[in-house]
Amino acid sequence: MYRIAFEGKPKTYLSYSISFATEEQIEAVIEFRDELRKRIVGFDPLSIREMGWLSVAIAMKK
């Protein structure tokens, strides 16, 4: 919340299709997101634990 209110960094919603992503693709998205977070405040759908997208991607791989 502090970063959103006081740091003045650009803000964005990270939007990407993850419904049918492989585990490797999800890992690449996480790496990209982590690097991007150094420069912006990003609202990330993967950070919402209730959705469990990573679990779905792993289950689909199996």
PDB file of N, CA and C in Angstrom:
ATOM      1  N   MET A   1       0.826  -1.187   0.000  1.00  0.00           N
ATOM      2  CA  MET A   1       0.000   0.000   0.000  1.00  0.00           C
ATOM      3  C   MET A   1       0.873   1.254   0.000  1.00  0.00           C
ATOM      4  N   TYR A   2       1.967   1.203   0.739  1.00  0.00           N
ATOM      5  CA  TYR A   2       2.870   2.351   0.789  1.00  0.00           C
ATOM      6  C   TYR A   2       3.367   2.700  -0.612  1.00  0.00           C
ATOM      7  N   ARG A   3       3.796   1.683  -1.366  1.00  0.00           N
ATOM      8  CA  ARG A   3       4.301   1.936  -2.717  1.00  0.00           C
ATOM      9  C   ARG A   3       3.239   2.580  -3.594  1.00  0.00           C
ATOM     10  N   ILE A   4       1.997   2.128  -3.454  1.00  0.00           N
ATOM     11  CA  ILE A   4       0.908   2.668  -4.265  1.00  0.00           C
ATOM     12  C   ILE A   4       0.672   4.136  -3.930  1.00  0.00           C
ATOM     13  N   ALA A   5       0.664   4.453  -2.649  1.00  0.00           N
ATOM     14  CA  ALA A   5       0.297   5.794  -2.211  1.00  0.00           C
ATOM     15  C   ALA A   5       1.430   6.809  -2.307  1.00  0.00           C
ATOM     16  N   PHE A   6       2.664   6.398  -2.035  1.00  0.00           N
ATOM     17  CA  PHE A   6       3.704   7.398  -1.829  1.00  0.00           C
ATOM     18  C   PHE A   6       4.904   7.352  -2.769  1.00  0.00           C
ATOM     19  N   GLU A   7       5.175   6.262  -3.434  1.00  0.00           N
ATOM     20  CA  GLU A   7       6.393   6.189  -4.235  1.00  0.00           C
ATOM     21  C   GLU A   7       6.277   6.847  -5.607  1.00  0.00           C
ATOM     22  N   GLY A   8       5.096   7.051  -6.097  1.00  0.00           N
ATOM     23  CA  GLY A   8       4.927   7.731  -7.377  1.00  0.00           C
ATOM     24  C   GLY A   8       5.361   6.915  -8.586  1.00  0.00           C
ATOM     25  N   LYS A   9       5.505   5.615  -8.440  1.00  0.00           N
ATOM     26  CA  LYS A   9       5.858   4.768  -9.579  1.00  0.00           C
ATOM     27  C   LYS A   9       4.626   4.540 -10.443  1.00  0.00           C
ATOM     28  N   PRO A  10       4.839   4.294 -11.739  1.00  0.00           N
ATOM     29  CA  PRO A  10       3.696   3.957 -12.599  1.00  0.00           C
ATOM     30  C   PRO A  10       3.000   2.708 -12.076  1.00  0.00           C
ATOM     31  N   LYS A  11       1.725   2.629 -12.307  1.00  0.00           N
ATOM     32  CA  LYS A  11       0.926   1.494 -11.859  1.00  0.00           C
ATOM     33  C   LYS A  11       0.291   0.818 -13.066  1.00  0.00           C
ATOM     34  N   THR A  12       0.235  -0.499 -13.006  1.00  0.00           N
ATOM     35  CA  THR A  12      -0.359  -1.239 -14.104  1.00  0.00           C
ATOM     36  C   THR A  12      -0.966  -2.537 -13.600  1.00  0.00           C
ATOM     37  N   TYR A  13      -1.913  -3.042 -14.353  1.00  0.00           N
ATOM     38  CA  TYR A  13      -2.483  -4.356 -14.090  1.00  0.00           C
ATOM     39  C   TYR A  13      -1.816  -5.313 -15.060  1.00  0.00           C
ATOM     40  N   LEU A  14      -1.150  -6.333 -14.548  1.00  0.00           N
ATOM     41  CA  LEU A  14      -0.464  -7.292 -15.394  1.00  0.00           C
ATOM     42  C   LEU A  14      -1.490  -8.289 -15.929  1.00  0.00           C
ATOM     43  N   SER A  15      -1.723  -8.231 -17.209  1.00  0.00           N
ATOM     44  CA  SER A  15      -2.745  -9.063 -17.820  1.00  0.00           C
ATOM     45  C   SER A  15      -2.086 -10.035 -18.794  1.00  0.00           C
ATOM     46  N   TYR A  16      -2.307 -11.308 -18.567  1.00  0.00           N
ATOM     47  CA  TYR A  16      -1.776 -12.318 -19.456  1.00  0.00           C
ATOM     48  C   TYR A  16      -2.641 -13.562 -19.333  1.00  0.00           C
ATOM     49  N   SER A  17      -2.694 -14.321 -20.385  1.00  0.00           N
ATOM     50  CA  SER A  17      -3.491 -15.536 -20.386  1.00  0.00           C
ATOM     51  C   SER A  17      -2.709 -16.641 -19.686  1.00  0.00           C
ATOM     52  N   ILE A  18      -3.274 -17.181 -18.608  1.00  0.00           N
ATOM     53  CA  ILE A  18      -2.584 -18.235 -17.866  1.00  0.00           C
ATOM     54  C   ILE A  18      -3.439 -19.496 -17.740  1.00  0.00           C
ATOM     55  N   SER A  19      -4.598 -19.489 -18.333  1.00  0.00           N
ATOM     56  CA  SER A  19      -5.511 -20.618 -18.183  1.00  0.00           C
ATOM     57  C   SER A  19      -4.918 -21.928 -18.701  1.00  0.00           C
ATOM     58  N   PHE A  20      -4.196 -21.877 -19.790  1.00  0.00           N
ATOM     59  CA  PHE A  20      -3.643 -23.090 -20.385  1.00  0.00           C
ATOM     60  C   PHE A  20      -2.120 -23.047 -20.435  1.00  0.00           C
ATOM     61  N   ALA A  21      -1.519 -22.280 -19.539  1.00  0.00           N
ATOM     62  CA  ALA A  21      -0.068 -22.130 -19.510  1.00  0.00           C
ATOM     63  C   ALA A  21       0.584 -23.363 -18.898  1.00  0.00           C
ATOM     64  N   THR A  22       1.777 -23.661 -19.386  1.00  0.00           N
ATOM     65  CA  THR A  22       2.557 -24.749 -18.806  1.00  0.00           C
ATOM     66  C   THR A  22       3.263 -24.225 -17.551  1.00  0.00           C
ATOM     67  N   GLU A  23       3.807 -25.141 -16.773  1.00  0.00           N
ATOM     68  CA  GLU A  23       4.542 -24.743 -15.573  1.00  0.00           C
ATOM     69  C   GLU A  23       5.731 -23.850 -15.936  1.00  0.00           C
ATOM     70  N   GLU A  24       6.410 -24.174 -17.029  1.00  0.00           N
ATOM     71  CA  GLU A  24       7.546 -23.374 -17.473  1.00  0.00           C
ATOM     72  C   GLU A  24       7.103 -21.963 -17.875  1.00  0.00           C
ATOM     73  N   GLN A  25       5.965 -21.852 -18.528  1.00  0.00           N
ATOM     74  CA  GLN A  25       5.454 -20.543 -18.926  1.00  0.00           C
ATOM     75  C   GLN A  25       5.077 -19.718 -17.701  1.00  0.00           C
ATOM     76  N   ILE A  26       4.469 -20.365 -16.717  1.00  0.00           N
ATOM     77  CA  ILE A  26       4.109 -19.662 -15.488  1.00  0.00           C
ATOM     78  C   ILE A  26       5.371 -19.162 -14.793  1.00  0.00           C
ATOM     79  N   GLU A  27       6.406 -19.991 -14.747  1.00  0.00           N
ATOM     80  CA  GLU A  27       7.673 -19.581 -14.134  1.00  0.00           C
ATOM     81  C   GLU A  27       8.278 -18.393 -14.867  1.00  0.00           C
ATOM     82  N   ALA A  28       8.202 -18.384 -16.204  1.00  0.00           N
ATOM     83  CA  ALA A  28       8.718 -17.262 -16.991  1.00  0.00           C
ATOM     84  C   ALA A  28       7.935 -15.991 -16.691  1.00  0.00           C
ATOM     85  N   VAL A  29       6.616 -16.108 -16.537  1.00  0.00           N
ATOM     86  CA  VAL A  29       5.779 -14.954 -16.202  1.00  0.00           C
ATOM     87  C   VAL A  29       6.167 -14.413 -14.826  1.00  0.00           C
ATOM     88  N   ILE A  30       6.405 -15.298 -13.877  1.00  0.00           N
ATOM     89  CA  ILE A  30       6.781 -14.879 -12.526  1.00  0.00           C
ATOM     90  C   ILE A  30       8.124 -14.159 -12.548  1.00  0.00           C
ATOM     91  N   GLU A  31       9.084 -14.668 -13.308  1.00  0.00           N
ATOM     92  CA  GLU A  31      10.388 -13.993 -13.431  1.00  0.00           C
ATOM     93  C   GLU A  31      10.222 -12.605 -14.043  1.00  0.00           C
ATOM     94  N   PHE A  32       9.428 -12.512 -15.114  1.00  0.00           N
ATOM     95  CA  PHE A  32       9.176 -11.227 -15.763  1.00  0.00           C
ATOM     96  C   PHE A  32       8.518 -10.251 -14.792  1.00  0.00           C
ATOM     97  N   ARG A  33       7.500 -10.737 -14.063  1.00  0.00           N
ATOM     98  CA  ARG A  33       6.794  -9.910 -13.092  1.00  0.00           C
ATOM     99  C   ARG A  33       7.741  -9.390 -12.018  1.00  0.00           C
ATOM    100  N   ASP A  34       8.597 -10.251 -11.505  1.00  0.00           N
ATOM    101  CA  ASP A  34       9.524  -9.842 -10.451  1.00  0.00           C
ATOM    102  C   ASP A  34      10.486  -8.764 -10.940  1.00  0.00           C
ATOM    103  N   GLU A  35      10.945  -8.890 -12.182  1.00  0.00           N
ATOM    104  CA  GLU A  35      11.833  -7.869 -12.748  1.00  0.00           C
ATOM    105  C   GLU A  35      11.071  -6.563 -12.968  1.00  0.00           C
ATOM    106  N   LEU A  36       9.856  -6.654 -13.454  1.00  0.00           N
ATOM    107  CA  LEU A  36       9.029  -5.479 -13.707  1.00  0.00           C
ATOM    108  C   LEU A  36       8.709  -4.729 -12.417  1.00  0.00           C
ATOM    109  N   ARG A  37       8.521  -5.454 -11.334  1.00  0.00           N
ATOM    110  CA  ARG A  37       8.180  -4.836 -10.047  1.00  0.00           C
ATOM    111  C   ARG A  37       9.266  -3.895  -9.532  1.00  0.00           C
ATOM    112  N   LYS A  38      10.473  -4.006 -10.055  1.00  0.00           N
ATOM    113  CA  LYS A  38      11.545  -3.082  -9.650  1.00  0.00           C
ATOM    114  C   LYS A  38      11.279  -1.673 -10.182  1.00  0.00           C
ATOM    115  N   ARG A  39      10.480  -1.568 -11.243  1.00  0.00           N
ATOM    116  CA  ARG A  39      10.246  -0.285 -11.909  1.00  0.00           C
ATOM    117  C   ARG A  39       8.831   0.258 -11.753  1.00  0.00           C
ATOM    118  N   ILE A  40       7.862  -0.628 -11.488  1.00  0.00           N
ATOM    119  CA  ILE A  40       6.459  -0.213 -11.423  1.00  0.00           C
ATOM    120  C   ILE A  40       5.758  -0.866 -10.246  1.00  0.00           C
ATOM    121  N   VAL A  41       4.567  -0.413  -9.979  1.00  0.00           N
ATOM    122  CA  VAL A  41       3.668  -1.110  -9.060  1.00  0.00           C
ATOM    123  C   VAL A  41       2.720  -1.904  -9.943  1.00  0.00           C
ATOM    124  N   GLY A  42       2.792  -3.224  -9.850  1.00  0.00           N
ATOM    125  CA  GLY A  42       1.972  -4.071 -10.710  1.00  0.00           C
ATOM    126  C   GLY A  42       0.930  -4.830  -9.918  1.00  0.00           C
ATOM    127  N   PHE A  43      -0.297  -4.776 -10.390  1.00  0.00           N
ATOM    128  CA  PHE A  43      -1.384  -5.566  -9.815  1.00  0.00           C
ATOM    129  C   PHE A  43      -1.417  -6.866 -10.604  1.00  0.00           C
ATOM    130  N   ASP A  44      -1.138  -7.970  -9.934  1.00  0.00           N
ATOM    131  CA  ASP A  44      -0.869  -9.228 -10.600  1.00  0.00           C
ATOM    132  C   ASP A  44      -1.924 -10.277 -10.278  1.00  0.00           C
ATOM    133  N   PRO A  45      -2.607 -10.824 -11.301  1.00  0.00           N
ATOM    134  CA  PRO A  45      -3.625 -11.844 -11.041  1.00  0.00           C
ATOM    135  C   PRO A  45      -3.056 -13.123 -10.424  1.00  0.00           C
ATOM    136  N   LEU A  46      -1.773 -13.414 -10.653  1.00  0.00           N
ATOM    137  CA  LEU A  46      -1.171 -14.603 -10.048  1.00  0.00           C
ATOM    138  C   LEU A  46      -0.999 -14.460  -8.537  1.00  0.00           C
ATOM    139  N   SER A  47      -1.033 -13.239  -8.040  1.00  0.00           N
ATOM    140  CA  SER A  47      -0.846 -13.041  -6.603  1.00  0.00           C
ATOM    141  C   SER A  47      -2.129 -13.323  -5.811  1.00  0.00           C
ATOM    142  N   ILE A  48      -3.228 -13.534  -6.500  1.00  0.00           N
ATOM    143  CA  ILE A  48      -4.494 -13.836  -5.836  1.00  0.00           C
ATOM    144  C   ILE A  48      -4.529 -15.335  -5.578  1.00  0.00           C
ATOM    145  N   ARG A  49      -4.340 -15.715  -4.339  1.00  0.00           N
ATOM    146  CA  ARG A  49      -4.212 -17.125  -3.968  1.00  0.00           C
ATOM    147  C   ARG A  49      -5.493 -17.922  -4.178  1.00  0.00           C
ATOM    148  N   GLU A  50      -6.645 -17.313  -4.049  1.00  0.00           N
ATOM    149  CA  GLU A  50      -7.901 -18.040  -4.182  1.00  0.00           C
ATOM    150  C   GLU A  50      -8.069 -18.645  -5.575  1.00  0.00           C
ATOM    151  N   MET A  51      -7.454 -18.047  -6.566  1.00  0.00           N
ATOM    152  CA  MET A  51      -7.626 -18.531  -7.927  1.00  0.00           C
ATOM    153  C   MET A  51      -6.872 -19.831  -8.161  1.00  0.00           C
ATOM    154  N   GLY A  52      -5.731 -19.983  -7.535  1.00  0.00           N
ATOM    155  CA  GLY A  52      -4.971 -21.216  -7.660  1.00  0.00           C
ATOM    156  C   GLY A  52      -4.537 -21.551  -9.074  1.00  0.00           C
ATOM    157  N   TRP A  53      -4.204 -20.559  -9.890  1.00  0.00           N
ATOM    158  CA  TRP A  53      -3.855 -20.817 -11.290  1.00  0.00           C
ATOM    159  C   TRP A  53      -2.616 -21.679 -11.420  1.00  0.00           C
ATOM    160  N   LEU A  54      -1.650 -21.490 -10.555  1.00  0.00           N
ATOM    161  CA  LEU A  54      -0.446 -22.304 -10.650  1.00  0.00           C
ATOM    162  C   LEU A  54      -0.793 -23.763 -10.393  1.00  0.00           C
ATOM    163  N   SER A  55      -1.669 -24.013  -9.438  1.00  0.00           N
ATOM    164  CA  SER A  55      -2.099 -25.387  -9.151  1.00  0.00           C
ATOM    165  C   SER A  55      -2.817 -25.980 -10.352  1.00  0.00           C
ATOM    166  N   VAL A  56      -3.631 -25.182 -10.998  1.00  0.00           N
ATOM    167  CA  VAL A  56      -4.349 -25.652 -12.182  1.00  0.00           C
ATOM    168  C   VAL A  56      -3.357 -25.977 -13.295  1.00  0.00           C
ATOM    169  N   ALA A  57      -2.388 -25.124 -13.507  1.00  0.00           N
ATOM    170  CA  ALA A  57      -1.392 -25.363 -14.564  1.00  0.00           C
ATOM    171  C   ALA A  57      -0.591 -26.630 -14.287  1.00  0.00           C
ATOM    172  N   ILE A  58      -0.216 -26.833 -13.043  1.00  0.00           N
ATOM    173  CA  ILE A  58       0.537 -28.033 -12.676  1.00  0.00           C
ATOM    174  C   ILE A  58      -0.323 -29.277 -12.859  1.00  0.00           C
ATOM    175  N   ALA A  59      -1.581 -29.194 -12.447  1.00  0.00           N
ATOM    176  CA  ALA A  59      -2.498 -30.336 -12.595  1.00  0.00           C
ATOM    177  C   ALA A  59      -2.720 -30.674 -14.057  1.00  0.00           C
ATOM    178  N   MET A  60      -2.839 -29.634 -14.899  1.00  0.00           N
ATOM    179  CA  MET A  60      -3.055 -29.873 -16.321  1.00  0.00           C
ATOM    180  C   MET A  60      -1.834 -30.541 -16.958  1.00  0.00           C
ATOM    181  N   LYS A  61      -0.647 -30.199 -16.456  1.00  0.00           N
ATOM    182  CA  LYS A  61       0.574 -30.790 -16.995  1.00  0.00           C
ATOM    183  C   LYS A  61       0.596 -32.290 -16.709  1.00  0.00           C
ATOM    184  N   LYS A  62       0.114 -32.663 -15.514  1.00  0.00           N
ATOM    185  CA  LYS A  62       0.103 -34.087 -15.134  1.00  0.00           C
ATOM    186  C   LYS A  62      -0.927 -34.823 -15.949  1.00  0.00           C
TER     187      LYS A  62
END
